[in-house]
Amino acid sequence: MGTPDAPLNRELDILRYATPKMQYYVVSQLGRRLIDLGLGPAALAFTGVNGAEERAHAGKVICTHPETWREEWLRLKRLPEWAQYLEELSTEKEMVCVSCL
């Protein structure tokens, strides 16, 4: 027979072995489950911002580079290839807009 703390201990064990910022323990009316969002490094660069210091740093980047903060943030997170990809998308978008005139 289990103890009253058995469900809590099981949840703690699940969380102990979960991968931080990749796996999340969801509790809903339908039940409890460990899920993996399958986020890649670029998505994690934005969604994984954690703590007051890092949020403040992100805010400074946004204020300093209002038009290109996303690319700058990716560079700071050591993802220059994703920053370049976003820059290329912006360039393509501008070319499409100009060709419509």
N, C-alpha and C. Protein backbone atom coordinates (compact mmCIF):
# COMPACT_ATOMS: atom_id res chain seq x y z
N MET A 1 0.84 -1.18 0.00
CA MET A 1 0.00 0.00 0.00
C MET A 1 0.89 1.24 0.00
N GLY A 2 0.52 2.24 -0.81
CA GLY A 2 1.30 3.46 -0.92
C GLY A 2 1.07 4.40 0.25
N THR A 3 1.96 5.33 0.38
CA THR A 3 1.83 6.34 1.42
C THR A 3 1.13 7.56 0.83
N PRO A 4 0.61 8.46 1.68
CA PRO A 4 -0.03 9.68 1.16
C PRO A 4 0.92 10.53 0.31
N ASP A 5 2.22 10.42 0.56
CA ASP A 5 3.20 11.20 -0.18
C ASP A 5 3.63 10.54 -1.48
N ALA A 6 3.16 9.33 -1.76
CA ALA A 6 3.60 8.59 -2.94
C ALA A 6 3.36 9.36 -4.24
N PRO A 7 2.16 9.94 -4.49
CA PRO A 7 1.97 10.70 -5.74
C PRO A 7 2.92 11.89 -5.86
N LEU A 8 3.14 12.59 -4.76
CA LEU A 8 4.05 13.73 -4.78
C LEU A 8 5.47 13.26 -5.07
N ASN A 9 5.90 12.18 -4.43
CA ASN A 9 7.24 11.66 -4.67
C ASN A 9 7.41 11.24 -6.13
N ARG A 10 6.37 10.64 -6.70
CA ARG A 10 6.43 10.23 -8.11
C ARG A 10 6.58 11.47 -9.00
N GLU A 11 5.80 12.52 -8.72
CA GLU A 11 5.91 13.75 -9.51
C GLU A 11 7.30 14.37 -9.39
N LEU A 12 7.85 14.37 -8.19
CA LEU A 12 9.19 14.91 -7.99
C LEU A 12 10.23 14.10 -8.76
N ASP A 13 10.07 12.78 -8.78
CA ASP A 13 10.98 11.93 -9.54
C ASP A 13 10.89 12.24 -11.03
N ILE A 14 9.68 12.43 -11.52
CA ILE A 14 9.49 12.77 -12.94
C ILE A 14 10.19 14.09 -13.26
N LEU A 15 9.99 15.08 -12.41
CA LEU A 15 10.61 16.39 -12.63
C LEU A 15 12.13 16.34 -12.51
N ARG A 16 12.62 15.52 -11.62
CA ARG A 16 14.06 15.40 -11.41
C ARG A 16 14.77 14.94 -12.68
N TYR A 17 14.13 14.07 -13.46
CA TYR A 17 14.76 13.52 -14.66
C TYR A 17 14.32 14.22 -15.95
N ALA A 18 13.47 15.21 -15.82
CA ALA A 18 13.03 15.96 -17.00
C ALA A 18 14.16 16.88 -17.47
N THR A 19 14.20 17.13 -18.75
CA THR A 19 15.20 18.02 -19.33
C THR A 19 14.71 19.46 -19.17
N PRO A 20 15.47 20.30 -18.43
CA PRO A 20 15.04 21.68 -18.22
C PRO A 20 14.86 22.43 -19.54
N LYS A 21 13.82 23.25 -19.60
CA LYS A 21 13.47 24.09 -20.74
C LYS A 21 13.16 23.28 -22.00
N MET A 22 12.99 21.99 -21.85
CA MET A 22 12.60 21.14 -22.98
C MET A 22 11.36 20.34 -22.64
N GLN A 23 11.32 19.82 -21.42
CA GLN A 23 10.19 19.01 -20.99
C GLN A 23 9.45 19.74 -19.87
N TYR A 24 8.12 19.64 -19.91
CA TYR A 24 7.29 20.34 -18.94
C TYR A 24 6.26 19.37 -18.38
N TYR A 25 5.98 19.51 -17.11
CA TYR A 25 4.99 18.67 -16.44
C TYR A 25 3.68 19.44 -16.42
N VAL A 26 2.68 18.92 -17.12
CA VAL A 26 1.39 19.60 -17.27
C VAL A 26 0.36 18.90 -16.40
N VAL A 27 -0.36 19.68 -15.61
CA VAL A 27 -1.44 19.17 -14.77
C VAL A 27 -2.73 19.82 -15.24
N SER A 28 -3.70 19.00 -15.62
CA SER A 28 -4.99 19.53 -16.07
C SER A 28 -6.11 18.63 -15.55
N GLN A 29 -7.33 18.98 -15.87
CA GLN A 29 -8.47 18.16 -15.47
C GLN A 29 -8.42 16.79 -16.13
N LEU A 30 -7.73 16.70 -17.25
CA LEU A 30 -7.64 15.43 -17.97
C LEU A 30 -6.54 14.52 -17.43
N GLY A 31 -5.68 15.06 -16.58
CA GLY A 31 -4.62 14.25 -16.00
C GLY A 31 -3.30 14.99 -15.91
N ARG A 32 -2.26 14.22 -15.73
CA ARG A 32 -0.91 14.77 -15.57
C ARG A 32 0.00 14.10 -16.58
N ARG A 33 0.90 14.89 -17.14
CA ARG A 33 1.75 14.32 -18.18
C ARG A 33 3.01 15.15 -18.33
N LEU A 34 4.11 14.48 -18.60
CA LEU A 34 5.35 15.15 -18.96
C LEU A 34 5.34 15.31 -20.48
N ILE A 35 5.49 16.54 -20.94
CA ILE A 35 5.47 16.77 -22.38
C ILE A 35 6.79 17.38 -22.83
N ASP A 36 7.08 17.19 -24.09
CA ASP A 36 8.28 17.75 -24.71
C ASP A 36 7.79 18.64 -25.85
N LEU A 37 8.10 19.92 -25.79
CA LEU A 37 7.64 20.83 -26.82
C LEU A 37 8.45 20.72 -28.10
N GLY A 38 9.59 20.07 -28.05
CA GLY A 38 10.40 19.89 -29.24
C GLY A 38 10.93 21.19 -29.81
N LEU A 39 11.22 22.14 -28.95
CA LEU A 39 11.73 23.44 -29.42
C LEU A 39 13.20 23.33 -29.79
N GLY A 40 13.54 23.95 -30.89
CA GLY A 40 14.93 24.00 -31.32
C GLY A 40 15.66 25.16 -30.67
N PRO A 41 16.93 25.33 -30.98
CA PRO A 41 17.73 26.37 -30.33
C PRO A 41 17.23 27.79 -30.59
N ALA A 42 16.73 28.07 -31.79
CA ALA A 42 16.26 29.43 -32.09
C ALA A 42 15.01 29.75 -31.27
N ALA A 43 14.07 28.82 -31.21
CA ALA A 43 12.86 29.05 -30.42
C ALA A 43 13.20 29.17 -28.94
N LEU A 44 14.12 28.34 -28.47
CA LEU A 44 14.53 28.40 -27.06
C LEU A 44 15.23 29.72 -26.72
N ALA A 45 15.89 30.31 -27.71
CA ALA A 45 16.56 31.60 -27.45
C ALA A 45 15.56 32.65 -27.00
N PHE A 46 14.32 32.53 -27.49
CA PHE A 46 13.28 33.49 -27.12
C PHE A 46 12.41 32.99 -25.98
N THR A 47 11.99 31.76 -26.03
CA THR A 47 11.07 31.25 -25.01
C THR A 47 11.77 30.84 -23.73
N GLY A 48 13.07 30.61 -23.81
CA GLY A 48 13.80 30.17 -22.64
C GLY A 48 14.39 31.29 -21.80
N VAL A 49 14.03 32.53 -22.10
CA VAL A 49 14.52 33.67 -21.30
C VAL A 49 13.97 33.51 -19.89
N ASN A 50 14.88 33.52 -18.93
CA ASN A 50 14.50 33.19 -17.56
C ASN A 50 15.18 34.14 -16.58
N GLY A 51 14.45 34.63 -15.65
CA GLY A 51 15.01 35.47 -14.60
C GLY A 51 14.98 36.94 -14.94
N ALA A 52 14.98 37.75 -13.91
CA ALA A 52 14.88 39.20 -14.07
C ALA A 52 16.08 39.78 -14.82
N GLU A 53 17.26 39.26 -14.55
CA GLU A 53 18.47 39.80 -15.19
C GLU A 53 18.44 39.56 -16.70
N GLU A 54 18.07 38.35 -17.10
CA GLU A 54 18.04 38.05 -18.53
C GLU A 54 16.91 38.81 -19.23
N ARG A 55 15.77 38.96 -18.57
CA ARG A 55 14.67 39.73 -19.16
C ARG A 55 15.08 41.20 -19.32
N ALA A 56 15.80 41.73 -18.34
CA ALA A 56 16.27 43.11 -18.44
C ALA A 56 17.25 43.25 -19.60
N HIS A 57 18.12 42.26 -19.76
CA HIS A 57 19.07 42.28 -20.87
C HIS A 57 18.33 42.25 -22.21
N ALA A 58 17.31 41.42 -22.31
CA ALA A 58 16.49 41.36 -23.54
C ALA A 58 15.84 42.71 -23.80
N GLY A 59 15.34 43.35 -22.76
CA GLY A 59 14.73 44.67 -22.89
C GLY A 59 15.70 45.70 -23.42
N LYS A 60 16.95 45.65 -22.96
CA LYS A 60 17.97 46.59 -23.45
C LYS A 60 18.25 46.36 -24.93
N VAL A 61 18.30 45.08 -25.33
CA VAL A 61 18.53 44.77 -26.74
C VAL A 61 17.38 45.32 -27.59
N ILE A 62 16.17 45.16 -27.11
CA ILE A 62 15.00 45.66 -27.85
C ILE A 62 15.05 47.18 -27.97
N CYS A 63 15.43 47.86 -26.90
CA CYS A 63 15.50 49.33 -26.92
C CYS A 63 16.64 49.82 -27.81
N THR A 64 17.77 49.12 -27.76
CA THR A 64 18.94 49.53 -28.52
C THR A 64 18.78 49.26 -30.02
N HIS A 65 18.10 48.17 -30.35
CA HIS A 65 17.94 47.75 -31.75
C HIS A 65 16.46 47.50 -32.05
N PRO A 66 15.62 48.54 -32.04
CA PRO A 66 14.18 48.33 -32.17
C PRO A 66 13.76 47.64 -33.47
N GLU A 67 14.48 47.85 -34.55
CA GLU A 67 14.12 47.24 -35.83
C GLU A 67 14.72 45.85 -36.01
N THR A 68 15.86 45.59 -35.37
CA THR A 68 16.57 44.33 -35.61
C THR A 68 16.86 43.57 -34.32
N TRP A 69 16.06 43.78 -33.29
CA TRP A 69 16.36 43.17 -31.99
C TRP A 69 16.37 41.65 -32.05
N ARG A 70 15.52 41.06 -32.90
CA ARG A 70 15.46 39.60 -32.98
C ARG A 70 16.79 39.03 -33.47
N GLU A 71 17.32 39.64 -34.53
CA GLU A 71 18.61 39.19 -35.06
C GLU A 71 19.73 39.40 -34.05
N GLU A 72 19.72 40.55 -33.38
CA GLU A 72 20.75 40.84 -32.37
C GLU A 72 20.67 39.84 -31.22
N TRP A 73 19.46 39.53 -30.80
CA TRP A 73 19.28 38.58 -29.70
C TRP A 73 19.82 37.20 -30.08
N LEU A 74 19.54 36.78 -31.30
CA LEU A 74 20.05 35.48 -31.76
C LEU A 74 21.57 35.48 -31.81
N ARG A 75 22.18 36.58 -32.20
CA ARG A 75 23.64 36.65 -32.19
C ARG A 75 24.18 36.54 -30.76
N LEU A 76 23.54 37.25 -29.84
CA LEU A 76 23.97 37.18 -28.44
C LEU A 76 23.83 35.77 -27.88
N LYS A 77 22.86 35.02 -28.40
CA LYS A 77 22.64 33.64 -27.95
C LYS A 77 23.49 32.65 -28.75
N ARG A 78 24.45 33.19 -29.50
CA ARG A 78 25.39 32.39 -30.31
C ARG A 78 24.68 31.57 -31.39
N LEU A 79 23.74 32.23 -32.05
CA LEU A 79 23.02 31.62 -33.16
C LEU A 79 23.08 32.53 -34.39
N PRO A 80 24.31 32.83 -34.86
CA PRO A 80 24.45 33.79 -35.97
C PRO A 80 23.79 33.32 -37.26
N GLU A 81 23.72 32.00 -37.48
CA GLU A 81 23.11 31.51 -38.72
C GLU A 81 21.61 31.80 -38.74
N TRP A 82 20.96 31.76 -37.57
CA TRP A 82 19.54 32.09 -37.49
C TRP A 82 19.34 33.60 -37.65
N ALA A 83 20.26 34.38 -37.11
CA ALA A 83 20.18 35.84 -37.28
C ALA A 83 20.29 36.19 -38.76
N GLN A 84 21.21 35.55 -39.45
CA GLN A 84 21.37 35.80 -40.88
C GLN A 84 20.12 35.37 -41.65
N TYR A 85 19.53 34.26 -41.25
CA TYR A 85 18.31 33.80 -41.90
C TYR A 85 17.19 34.84 -41.77
N LEU A 86 17.03 35.39 -40.56
CA LEU A 86 16.01 36.43 -40.38
C LEU A 86 16.30 37.67 -41.21
N GLU A 87 17.57 38.04 -41.30
CA GLU A 87 17.95 39.19 -42.12
C GLU A 87 17.60 38.94 -43.58
N GLU A 88 17.85 37.73 -44.05
CA GLU A 88 17.53 37.40 -45.44
C GLU A 88 16.02 37.42 -45.68
N LEU A 89 15.25 36.95 -44.70
CA LEU A 89 13.79 37.01 -44.83
C LEU A 89 13.31 38.45 -44.93
N SER A 90 13.89 39.33 -44.11
CA SER A 90 13.50 40.74 -44.13
C SER A 90 13.83 41.36 -45.48
N THR A 91 14.98 41.02 -46.02
CA THR A 91 15.40 41.55 -47.32
C THR A 91 14.45 41.07 -48.41
N GLU A 92 14.10 39.79 -48.38
CA GLU A 92 13.16 39.24 -49.37
C GLU A 92 11.80 39.92 -49.26
N LYS A 93 11.33 40.14 -48.04
CA LYS A 93 10.05 40.79 -47.81
C LYS A 93 10.05 42.20 -48.39
N GLU A 94 11.16 42.95 -48.16
CA GLU A 94 11.27 44.29 -48.68
C GLU A 94 11.27 44.27 -50.21
N MET A 95 11.94 43.28 -50.82
CA MET A 95 11.99 43.20 -52.27
C MET A 95 10.60 42.92 -52.83
N VAL A 96 9.85 42.06 -52.17
CA VAL A 96 8.49 41.75 -52.63
C VAL A 96 7.61 42.99 -52.53
N CYS A 97 7.73 43.74 -51.44
CA CYS A 97 6.91 44.94 -51.25
C CYS A 97 7.23 46.00 -52.30
N VAL A 98 8.50 46.15 -52.63
CA VAL A 98 8.91 47.15 -53.63
C VAL A 98 8.40 46.73 -55.00
N SER A 99 8.44 45.44 -55.31
CA SER A 99 8.02 44.98 -56.64
C SER A 99 6.51 45.12 -56.83
N CYS A 100 5.76 45.25 -55.74
CA CYS A 100 4.30 45.42 -55.85
C CYS A 100 3.91 46.84 -56.19
N LEU A 101 4.82 47.78 -56.05
CA LEU A 101 4.47 49.19 -56.29
C LEU A 101 4.28 49.51 -57.74
